[in-house]
Amino acid sequence: MRISEFEWDDGNVLHLALGHGIGLEEAEEVFAVRPIFRKTKRRHYAALGPSRSGRLLVVVFERKAKGVVRIITGWDMDAAERRYYQRHRKG
């Protein structure tokens, strides 16, 4: 999946930070370190992967034109999500 940039505003930055303890840099790092992508039931996408510090995260986002990604929410992987990630990651 080609990503050219991330779209941020006060709403999604605050939601991630206050609601889930995830900084915007940490959310973006998930896309840089071998993520696994899945479609969600609401027609968004989820990226599963580690941040640079090794925190395993799920980041839900929408794809916009020209490779722009708008992150909607995120959280630490639960046990089932960690198992899925371990089974499907490459290398």
PDB file of N, CA and C in Angstrom:
ATOM      1  N   MET A   1       0.855  -1.174   0.000  1.00  0.00           N
ATOM      2  CA  MET A   1       0.000   0.000   0.000  1.00  0.00           C
ATOM      3  C   MET A   1       0.902   1.238   0.000  1.00  0.00           C
ATOM      4  N   ARG A   2       0.692   2.107  -0.956  1.00  0.00           N
ATOM      5  CA  ARG A   2       1.510   3.319  -1.088  1.00  0.00           C
ATOM      6  C   ARG A   2       0.917   4.431  -0.214  1.00  0.00           C
ATOM      7  N   ILE A   3       1.768   4.995   0.631  1.00  0.00           N
ATOM      8  CA  ILE A   3       1.336   6.087   1.502  1.00  0.00           C
ATOM      9  C   ILE A   3       2.265   7.271   1.260  1.00  0.00           C
ATOM     10  N   SER A   4       1.671   8.392   0.857  1.00  0.00           N
ATOM     11  CA  SER A   4       2.488   9.573   0.571  1.00  0.00           C
ATOM     12  C   SER A   4       2.549  10.531   1.756  1.00  0.00           C
ATOM     13  N   GLU A   5       1.469  10.574   2.547  1.00  0.00           N
ATOM     14  CA  GLU A   5       1.467  11.456   3.719  1.00  0.00           C
ATOM     15  C   GLU A   5       0.318  11.082   4.648  1.00  0.00           C
ATOM     16  N   PHE A   6       0.386  11.621   5.862  1.00  0.00           N
ATOM     17  CA  PHE A   6      -0.647  11.413   6.864  1.00  0.00           C
ATOM     18  C   PHE A   6      -1.405  12.715   7.073  1.00  0.00           C
ATOM     19  N   GLU A   7      -2.707  12.610   7.243  1.00  0.00           N
ATOM     20  CA  GLU A   7      -3.550  13.774   7.495  1.00  0.00           C
ATOM     21  C   GLU A   7      -3.917  13.789   8.984  1.00  0.00           C
ATOM     22  N   TRP A   8      -3.514  14.855   9.672  1.00  0.00           N
ATOM     23  CA  TRP A   8      -3.773  14.997  11.103  1.00  0.00           C
ATOM     24  C   TRP A   8      -4.526  16.290  11.377  1.00  0.00           C
ATOM     25  N   ASP A   9      -5.356  16.251  12.407  1.00  0.00           N
ATOM     26  CA  ASP A   9      -5.969  17.463  12.933  1.00  0.00           C
ATOM     27  C   ASP A   9      -6.079  17.289  14.445  1.00  0.00           C
ATOM     28  N   ASP A  10      -6.537  18.307  15.147  1.00  0.00           N
ATOM     29  CA  ASP A  10      -6.619  18.227  16.606  1.00  0.00           C
ATOM     30  C   ASP A  10      -7.495  17.062  17.065  1.00  0.00           C
ATOM     31  N   GLY A  11      -8.539  16.758  16.306  1.00  0.00           N
ATOM     32  CA  GLY A  11      -9.457  15.691  16.688  1.00  0.00           C
ATOM     33  C   GLY A  11      -8.803  14.330  16.747  1.00  0.00           C
ATOM     34  N   ASN A  12      -8.141  13.928  15.661  1.00  0.00           N
ATOM     35  CA  ASN A  12      -7.557  12.586  15.682  1.00  0.00           C
ATOM     36  C   ASN A  12      -6.297  12.518  16.544  1.00  0.00           C
ATOM     37  N   VAL A  13      -5.548  13.604  16.660  1.00  0.00           N
ATOM     38  CA  VAL A  13      -4.366  13.618  17.542  1.00  0.00           C
ATOM     39  C   VAL A  13      -4.800  13.459  18.998  1.00  0.00           C
ATOM     40  N   LEU A  14      -5.805  14.234  19.422  1.00  0.00           N
ATOM     41  CA  LEU A  14      -6.279  14.152  20.804  1.00  0.00           C
ATOM     42  C   LEU A  14      -6.930  12.807  21.103  1.00  0.00           C
ATOM     43  N   HIS A  15      -7.707  12.288  20.164  1.00  0.00           N
ATOM     44  CA  HIS A  15      -8.356  10.993  20.370  1.00  0.00           C
ATOM     45  C   HIS A  15      -7.316   9.904  20.624  1.00  0.00           C
ATOM     46  N   LEU A  16      -6.286   9.853  19.803  1.00  0.00           N
ATOM     47  CA  LEU A  16      -5.247   8.840  19.986  1.00  0.00           C
ATOM     48  C   LEU A  16      -4.488   9.038  21.289  1.00  0.00           C
ATOM     49  N   ALA A  17      -4.107  10.282  21.579  1.00  0.00           N
ATOM     50  CA  ALA A  17      -3.294  10.550  22.765  1.00  0.00           C
ATOM     51  C   ALA A  17      -4.080  10.350  24.056  1.00  0.00           C
ATOM     52  N   LEU A  18      -5.237  10.979  24.161  1.00  0.00           N
ATOM     53  CA  LEU A  18      -5.997  10.926  25.407  1.00  0.00           C
ATOM     54  C   LEU A  18      -6.779   9.626  25.556  1.00  0.00           C
ATOM     55  N   GLY A  19      -7.323   9.130  24.466  1.00  0.00           N
ATOM     56  CA  GLY A  19      -8.141   7.931  24.534  1.00  0.00           C
ATOM     57  C   GLY A  19      -7.355   6.639  24.553  1.00  0.00           C
ATOM     58  N   HIS A  20      -6.164   6.648  23.928  1.00  0.00           N
ATOM     59  CA  HIS A  20      -5.438   5.390  23.754  1.00  0.00           C
ATOM     60  C   HIS A  20      -3.950   5.477  24.102  1.00  0.00           C
ATOM     61  N   GLY A  21      -3.473   6.655  24.481  1.00  0.00           N
ATOM     62  CA  GLY A  21      -2.066   6.791  24.864  1.00  0.00           C
ATOM     63  C   GLY A  21      -1.089   6.602  23.718  1.00  0.00           C
ATOM     64  N   ILE A  22      -1.510   6.941  22.509  1.00  0.00           N
ATOM     65  CA  ILE A  22      -0.664   6.775  21.321  1.00  0.00           C
ATOM     66  C   ILE A  22      -0.369   8.149  20.734  1.00  0.00           C
ATOM     67  N   GLY A  23       0.899   8.457  20.543  1.00  0.00           N
ATOM     68  CA  GLY A  23       1.293   9.700  19.901  1.00  0.00           C
ATOM     69  C   GLY A  23       1.223   9.570  18.394  1.00  0.00           C
ATOM     70  N   LEU A  24       1.136  10.694  17.708  1.00  0.00           N
ATOM     71  CA  LEU A  24       1.023  10.623  16.244  1.00  0.00           C
ATOM     72  C   LEU A  24       2.252  10.003  15.609  1.00  0.00           C
ATOM     73  N   GLU A  25       3.443  10.281  16.159  1.00  0.00           N
ATOM     74  CA  GLU A  25       4.653   9.670  15.597  1.00  0.00           C
ATOM     75  C   GLU A  25       4.610   8.154  15.750  1.00  0.00           C
ATOM     76  N   GLU A  26       4.154   7.706  16.924  1.00  0.00           N
ATOM     77  CA  GLU A  26       4.086   6.267  17.175  1.00  0.00           C
ATOM     78  C   GLU A  26       3.087   5.592  16.227  1.00  0.00           C
ATOM     79  N   ALA A  27       1.958   6.237  15.978  1.00  0.00           N
ATOM     80  CA  ALA A  27       0.970   5.690  15.043  1.00  0.00           C
ATOM     81  C   ALA A  27       1.561   5.586  13.632  1.00  0.00           C
ATOM     82  N   GLU A  28       2.285   6.610  13.205  1.00  0.00           N
ATOM     83  CA  GLU A  28       2.898   6.583  11.874  1.00  0.00           C
ATOM     84  C   GLU A  28       3.974   5.508  11.770  1.00  0.00           C
ATOM     85  N   GLU A  29       4.672   5.238  12.876  1.00  0.00           N
ATOM     86  CA  GLU A  29       5.734   4.223  12.858  1.00  0.00           C
ATOM     87  C   GLU A  29       5.208   2.838  12.511  1.00  0.00           C
ATOM     88  N   VAL A  30       3.965   2.550  12.860  1.00  0.00           N
ATOM     89  CA  VAL A  30       3.377   1.241  12.547  1.00  0.00           C
ATOM     90  C   VAL A  30       3.419   0.983  11.038  1.00  0.00           C
ATOM     91  N   PHE A  31       3.268   2.035  10.247  1.00  0.00           N
ATOM     92  CA  PHE A  31       3.265   1.895   8.792  1.00  0.00           C
ATOM     93  C   PHE A  31       4.670   1.673   8.233  1.00  0.00           C
ATOM     94  N   ALA A  32       5.698   1.975   9.006  1.00  0.00           N
ATOM     95  CA  ALA A  32       7.071   1.888   8.526  1.00  0.00           C
ATOM     96  C   ALA A  32       7.740   0.556   8.845  1.00  0.00           C
ATOM     97  N   VAL A  33       7.168  -0.215   9.765  1.00  0.00           N
ATOM     98  CA  VAL A  33       7.835  -1.426  10.243  1.00  0.00           C
ATOM     99  C   VAL A  33       6.998  -2.659   9.909  1.00  0.00           C
ATOM    100  N   ARG A  34       6.947  -3.017   8.634  1.00  0.00           N
ATOM    101  CA  ARG A  34       6.276  -4.236   8.157  1.00  0.00           C
ATOM    102  C   ARG A  34       4.862  -4.436   8.686  1.00  0.00           C
ATOM    103  N   PRO A  35       3.947  -3.523   8.407  1.00  0.00           N
ATOM    104  CA  PRO A  35       2.580  -3.710   8.899  1.00  0.00           C
ATOM    105  C   PRO A  35       1.832  -4.778   8.114  1.00  0.00           C
ATOM    106  N   ILE A  36       0.795  -5.281   8.732  1.00  0.00           N
ATOM    107  CA  ILE A  36      -0.177  -6.142   8.058  1.00  0.00           C
ATOM    108  C   ILE A  36      -1.431  -5.308   7.912  1.00  0.00           C
ATOM    109  N   PHE A  37      -2.009  -5.292   6.721  1.00  0.00           N
ATOM    110  CA  PHE A  37      -3.212  -4.510   6.473  1.00  0.00           C
ATOM    111  C   PHE A  37      -4.425  -5.421   6.380  1.00  0.00           C
ATOM    112  N   ARG A  38      -5.528  -4.966   6.978  1.00  0.00           N
ATOM    113  CA  ARG A  38      -6.807  -5.678   6.900  1.00  0.00           C
ATOM    114  C   ARG A  38      -7.903  -4.658   6.642  1.00  0.00           C
ATOM    115  N   LYS A  39      -8.942  -5.082   5.930  1.00  0.00           N
ATOM    116  CA  LYS A  39     -10.128  -4.235   5.789  1.00  0.00           C
ATOM    117  C   LYS A  39     -10.997  -4.423   7.022  1.00  0.00           C
ATOM    118  N   THR A  40     -11.692  -3.353   7.407  1.00  0.00           N
ATOM    119  CA  THR A  40     -12.597  -3.441   8.554  1.00  0.00           C
ATOM    120  C   THR A  40     -14.037  -3.559   8.060  1.00  0.00           C
ATOM    121  N   LYS A  41     -14.946  -3.843   8.968  1.00  0.00           N
ATOM    122  CA  LYS A  41     -16.357  -3.963   8.609  1.00  0.00           C
ATOM    123  C   LYS A  41     -16.936  -2.632   8.147  1.00  0.00           C
ATOM    124  N   ARG A  42     -16.350  -1.539   8.583  1.00  0.00           N
ATOM    125  CA  ARG A  42     -16.853  -0.204   8.220  1.00  0.00           C
ATOM    126  C   ARG A  42     -16.139   0.389   7.007  1.00  0.00           C
ATOM    127  N   ARG A  43     -15.506  -0.472   6.229  1.00  0.00           N
ATOM    128  CA  ARG A  43     -14.833  -0.077   4.985  1.00  0.00           C
ATOM    129  C   ARG A  43     -13.616   0.827   5.196  1.00  0.00           C
ATOM    130  N   HIS A  44     -13.034   0.738   6.357  1.00  0.00           N
ATOM    131  CA  HIS A  44     -11.750   1.372   6.597  1.00  0.00           C
ATOM    132  C   HIS A  44     -10.695   0.281   6.525  1.00  0.00           C
ATOM    133  N   TYR A  45      -9.487   0.624   6.913  1.00  0.00           N
ATOM    134  CA  TYR A  45      -8.402  -0.339   6.964  1.00  0.00           C
ATOM    135  C   TYR A  45      -7.794  -0.326   8.350  1.00  0.00           C
ATOM    136  N   ALA A  46      -7.168  -1.432   8.718  1.00  0.00           N
ATOM    137  CA  ALA A  46      -6.406  -1.515   9.958  1.00  0.00           C
ATOM    138  C   ALA A  46      -4.987  -1.928   9.604  1.00  0.00           C
ATOM    139  N   ALA A  47      -4.032  -1.243  10.202  1.00  0.00           N
ATOM    140  CA  ALA A  47      -2.624  -1.617  10.078  1.00  0.00           C
ATOM    141  C   ALA A  47      -2.218  -2.214  11.414  1.00  0.00           C
ATOM    142  N   LEU A  48      -1.675  -3.418  11.394  1.00  0.00           N
ATOM    143  CA  LEU A  48      -1.203  -4.074  12.601  1.00  0.00           C
ATOM    144  C   LEU A  48       0.308  -4.155  12.514  1.00  0.00           C
ATOM    145  N   GLY A  49       0.967  -3.715  13.575  1.00  0.00           N
ATOM    146  CA  GLY A  49       2.419  -3.783  13.575  1.00  0.00           C
ATOM    147  C   GLY A  49       3.020  -3.103  14.786  1.00  0.00           C
ATOM    148  N   PRO A  50       4.343  -3.172  14.870  1.00  0.00           N
ATOM    149  CA  PRO A  50       5.028  -2.575  16.009  1.00  0.00           C
ATOM    150  C   PRO A  50       5.403  -1.117  15.758  1.00  0.00           C
ATOM    151  N   SER A  51       5.464  -0.364  16.837  1.00  0.00           N
ATOM    152  CA  SER A  51       6.099   0.954  16.766  1.00  0.00           C
ATOM    153  C   SER A  51       7.602   0.714  16.890  1.00  0.00           C
ATOM    154  N   ARG A  52       8.380   1.737  16.743  1.00  0.00           N
ATOM    155  CA  ARG A  52       9.840   1.574  16.843  1.00  0.00           C
ATOM    156  C   ARG A  52      10.267   1.124  18.243  1.00  0.00           C
ATOM    157  N   SER A  53       9.474   1.438  19.248  1.00  0.00           N
ATOM    158  CA  SER A  53       9.791   1.009  20.616  1.00  0.00           C
ATOM    159  C   SER A  53       9.377  -0.437  20.871  1.00  0.00           C
ATOM    160  N   GLY A  54       8.669  -1.061  19.904  1.00  0.00           N
ATOM    161  CA  GLY A  54       8.250  -2.445  20.040  1.00  0.00           C
ATOM    162  C   GLY A  54       6.823  -2.621  20.526  1.00  0.00           C
ATOM    163  N   ARG A  55       6.124  -1.536  20.740  1.00  0.00           N
ATOM    164  CA  ARG A  55       4.714  -1.611  21.155  1.00  0.00           C
ATOM    165  C   ARG A  55       3.881  -2.122  19.982  1.00  0.00           C
ATOM    166  N   LEU A  56       3.105  -3.179  20.182  1.00  0.00           N
ATOM    167  CA  LEU A  56       2.283  -3.754  19.114  1.00  0.00           C
ATOM    168  C   LEU A  56       0.946  -3.041  19.082  1.00  0.00           C
ATOM    169  N   LEU A  57       0.659  -2.393  17.949  1.00  0.00           N
ATOM    170  CA  LEU A  57      -0.528  -1.546  17.825  1.00  0.00           C
ATOM    171  C   LEU A  57      -1.402  -1.950  16.655  1.00  0.00           C
ATOM    172  N   VAL A  58      -2.673  -1.605  16.766  1.00  0.00           N
ATOM    173  CA  VAL A  58      -3.633  -1.645  15.662  1.00  0.00           C
ATOM    174  C   VAL A  58      -3.998  -0.189  15.403  1.00  0.00           C
ATOM    175  N   VAL A  59      -3.843   0.250  14.157  1.00  0.00           N
ATOM    176  CA  VAL A  59      -4.163   1.620  13.780  1.00  0.00           C
ATOM    177  C   VAL A  59      -5.209   1.566  12.667  1.00  0.00           C
ATOM    178  N   VAL A  60      -6.391   2.118  12.941  1.00  0.00           N
ATOM    179  CA  VAL A  60      -7.479   2.133  11.961  1.00  0.00           C
ATOM    180  C   VAL A  60      -7.406   3.450  11.199  1.00  0.00           C
ATOM    181  N   PHE A  61      -7.544   3.360   9.872  1.00  0.00           N
ATOM    182  CA  PHE A  61      -7.378   4.544   9.037  1.00  0.00           C
ATOM    183  C   PHE A  61      -8.257   4.467   7.812  1.00  0.00           C
ATOM    184  N   GLU A  62      -8.401   5.610   7.157  1.00  0.00           N
ATOM    185  CA  GLU A  62      -9.061   5.645   5.861  1.00  0.00           C
ATOM    186  C   GLU A  62      -8.053   6.105   4.818  1.00  0.00           C
ATOM    187  N   ARG A  63      -8.208   5.548   3.632  1.00  0.00           N
ATOM    188  CA  ARG A  63      -7.355   5.926   2.504  1.00  0.00           C
ATOM    189  C   ARG A  63      -8.051   7.036   1.746  1.00  0.00           C
ATOM    190  N   LYS A  64      -7.287   8.047   1.421  1.00  0.00           N
ATOM    191  CA  LYS A  64      -7.806   9.157   0.627  1.00  0.00           C
ATOM    192  C   LYS A  64      -7.035   9.191  -0.693  1.00  0.00           C
ATOM    193  N   ALA A  65      -7.360  10.149  -1.508  1.00  0.00           N
ATOM    194  CA  ALA A  65      -6.715  10.262  -2.819  1.00  0.00           C
ATOM    195  C   ALA A  65      -5.216  10.493  -2.683  1.00  0.00           C
ATOM    196  N   LYS A  66      -4.486  10.041  -3.680  1.00  0.00           N
ATOM    197  CA  LYS A  66      -3.053  10.278  -3.826  1.00  0.00           C
ATOM    198  C   LYS A  66      -2.216   9.774  -2.656  1.00  0.00           C
ATOM    199  N   GLY A  67      -2.632   8.671  -2.045  1.00  0.00           N
ATOM    200  CA  GLY A  67      -1.839   8.048  -1.000  1.00  0.00           C
ATOM    201  C   GLY A  67      -1.916   8.702   0.371  1.00  0.00           C
ATOM    202  N   VAL A  68      -2.881   9.591   0.570  1.00  0.00           N
ATOM    203  CA  VAL A  68      -3.040  10.248   1.865  1.00  0.00           C
ATOM    204  C   VAL A  68      -3.793   9.302   2.806  1.00  0.00           C
ATOM    205  N   VAL A  69      -3.308   9.195   4.033  1.00  0.00           N
ATOM    206  CA  VAL A  69      -3.910   8.346   5.050  1.00  0.00           C
ATOM    207  C   VAL A  69      -4.368   9.219   6.211  1.00  0.00           C
ATOM    208  N   ARG A  70      -5.621   9.038   6.626  1.00  0.00           N
ATOM    209  CA  ARG A  70      -6.153   9.718   7.809  1.00  0.00           C
ATOM    210  C   ARG A  70      -6.390   8.668   8.884  1.00  0.00           C
ATOM    211  N   ILE A  71      -5.625   8.757   9.952  1.00  0.00           N
ATOM    212  CA  ILE A  71      -5.767   7.809  11.053  1.00  0.00           C
ATOM    213  C   ILE A  71      -6.994   8.187  11.870  1.00  0.00           C
ATOM    214  N   ILE A  72      -7.808   7.182  12.170  1.00  0.00           N
ATOM    215  CA  ILE A  72      -9.058   7.383  12.884  1.00  0.00           C
ATOM    216  C   ILE A  72      -8.910   7.038  14.364  1.00  0.00           C
ATOM    217  N   THR A  73      -8.328   5.884  14.640  1.00  0.00           N
ATOM    218  CA  THR A  73      -8.149   5.440  16.022  1.00  0.00           C
ATOM    219  C   THR A  73      -7.060   4.390  16.075  1.00  0.00           C
ATOM    220  N   GLY A  74      -6.736   3.966  17.249  1.00  0.00           N
ATOM    221  CA  GLY A  74      -5.730   2.931  17.426  1.00  0.00           C
ATOM    222  C   GLY A  74      -5.757   2.417  18.857  1.00  0.00           C
ATOM    223  N   TRP A  75      -5.110   1.269  19.052  1.00  0.00           N
ATOM    224  CA  TRP A  75      -5.050   0.676  20.384  1.00  0.00           C
ATOM    225  C   TRP A  75      -3.936  -0.354  20.411  1.00  0.00           C
ATOM    226  N   ASP A  76      -3.592  -0.780  21.624  1.00  0.00           N
ATOM    227  CA  ASP A  76      -2.637  -1.867  21.796  1.00  0.00           C
ATOM    228  C   ASP A  76      -3.313  -3.172  21.394  1.00  0.00           C
ATOM    229  N   MET A  77      -2.579  -4.024  20.669  1.00  0.00           N
ATOM    230  CA  MET A  77      -3.141  -5.305  20.244  1.00  0.00           C
ATOM    231  C   MET A  77      -3.537  -6.128  21.459  1.00  0.00           C
ATOM    232  N   ASP A  78      -4.699  -6.787  21.348  1.00  0.00           N
ATOM    233  CA  ASP A  78      -5.074  -7.756  22.376  1.00  0.00           C
ATOM    234  C   ASP A  78      -4.439  -9.102  22.007  1.00  0.00           C
ATOM    235  N   ALA A  79      -4.673 -10.113  22.824  1.00  0.00           N
ATOM    236  CA  ALA A  79      -4.025 -11.416  22.612  1.00  0.00           C
ATOM    237  C   ALA A  79      -4.367 -12.011  21.250  1.00  0.00           C
ATOM    238  N   ALA A  80      -5.635 -11.934  20.838  1.00  0.00           N
ATOM    239  CA  ALA A  80      -6.037 -12.496  19.539  1.00  0.00           C
ATOM    240  C   ALA A  80      -5.385 -11.735  18.390  1.00  0.00           C
ATOM    241  N   GLU A  81      -5.314 -10.422  18.503  1.00  0.00           N
ATOM    242  CA  GLU A  81      -4.678  -9.622  17.452  1.00  0.00           C
ATOM    243  C   GLU A  81      -3.173  -9.905  17.378  1.00  0.00           C
ATOM    244  N   ARG A  82      -2.531 -10.119  18.516  1.00  0.00           N
ATOM    245  CA  ARG A  82      -1.106 -10.478  18.515  1.00  0.00           C
ATOM    246  C   ARG A  82      -0.888 -11.821  17.827  1.00  0.00           C
ATOM    247  N   ARG A  83      -1.751 -12.793  18.119  1.00  0.00           N
ATOM    248  CA  ARG A  83      -1.630 -14.103  17.452  1.00  0.00           C
ATOM    249  C   ARG A  83      -1.814 -13.957  15.943  1.00  0.00           C
ATOM    250  N   TYR A  84      -2.816 -13.197  15.518  1.00  0.00           N
ATOM    251  CA  TYR A  84      -3.049 -12.961  14.090  1.00  0.00           C
ATOM    252  C   TYR A  84      -1.811 -12.310  13.466  1.00  0.00           C
ATOM    253  N   TYR A  85      -1.277 -11.296  14.118  1.00  0.00           N
ATOM    254  CA  TYR A  85      -0.098 -10.609  13.594  1.00  0.00           C
ATOM    255  C   TYR A  85       1.089 -11.563  13.475  1.00  0.00           C
ATOM    256  N   GLN A  86       1.320 -12.366  14.495  1.00  0.00           N
ATOM    257  CA  GLN A  86       2.445 -13.310  14.477  1.00  0.00           C
ATOM    258  C   GLN A  86       2.295 -14.332  13.355  1.00  0.00           C
ATOM    259  N   ARG A  87       1.074 -14.796  13.116  1.00  0.00           N
ATOM    260  CA  ARG A  87       0.828 -15.794  12.054  1.00  0.00           C
ATOM    261  C   ARG A  87       1.011 -15.219  10.657  1.00  0.00           C
ATOM    262  N   HIS A  88       0.673 -13.940  10.465  1.00  0.00           N
ATOM    263  CA  HIS A  88       0.625 -13.385   9.116  1.00  0.00           C
ATOM    264  C   HIS A  88       1.794 -12.482   8.740  1.00  0.00           C
ATOM    265  N   ARG A  89       2.629 -12.127   9.662  1.00  0.00           N
ATOM    266  CA  ARG A  89       3.740 -11.247   9.302  1.00  0.00           C
ATOM    267  C   ARG A  89       4.766 -12.013   8.495  1.00  0.00           C
ATOM    268  N   LYS A  90       5.480 -11.272   7.686  1.00  0.00           N
ATOM    269  CA  LYS A  90       6.491 -11.881   6.811  1.00  0.00           C
ATOM    270  C   LYS A  90       7.860 -11.686   7.433  1.00  0.00           C
ATOM    271  N   GLY A  91       8.680 -12.710   7.333  1.00  0.00           N
ATOM    272  CA  GLY A  91      10.066 -12.609   7.772  1.00  0.00           C
ATOM    273  C   GLY A  91      10.174 -12.619   9.206  1.00  0.00           C
TER     274      GLY A  91
END
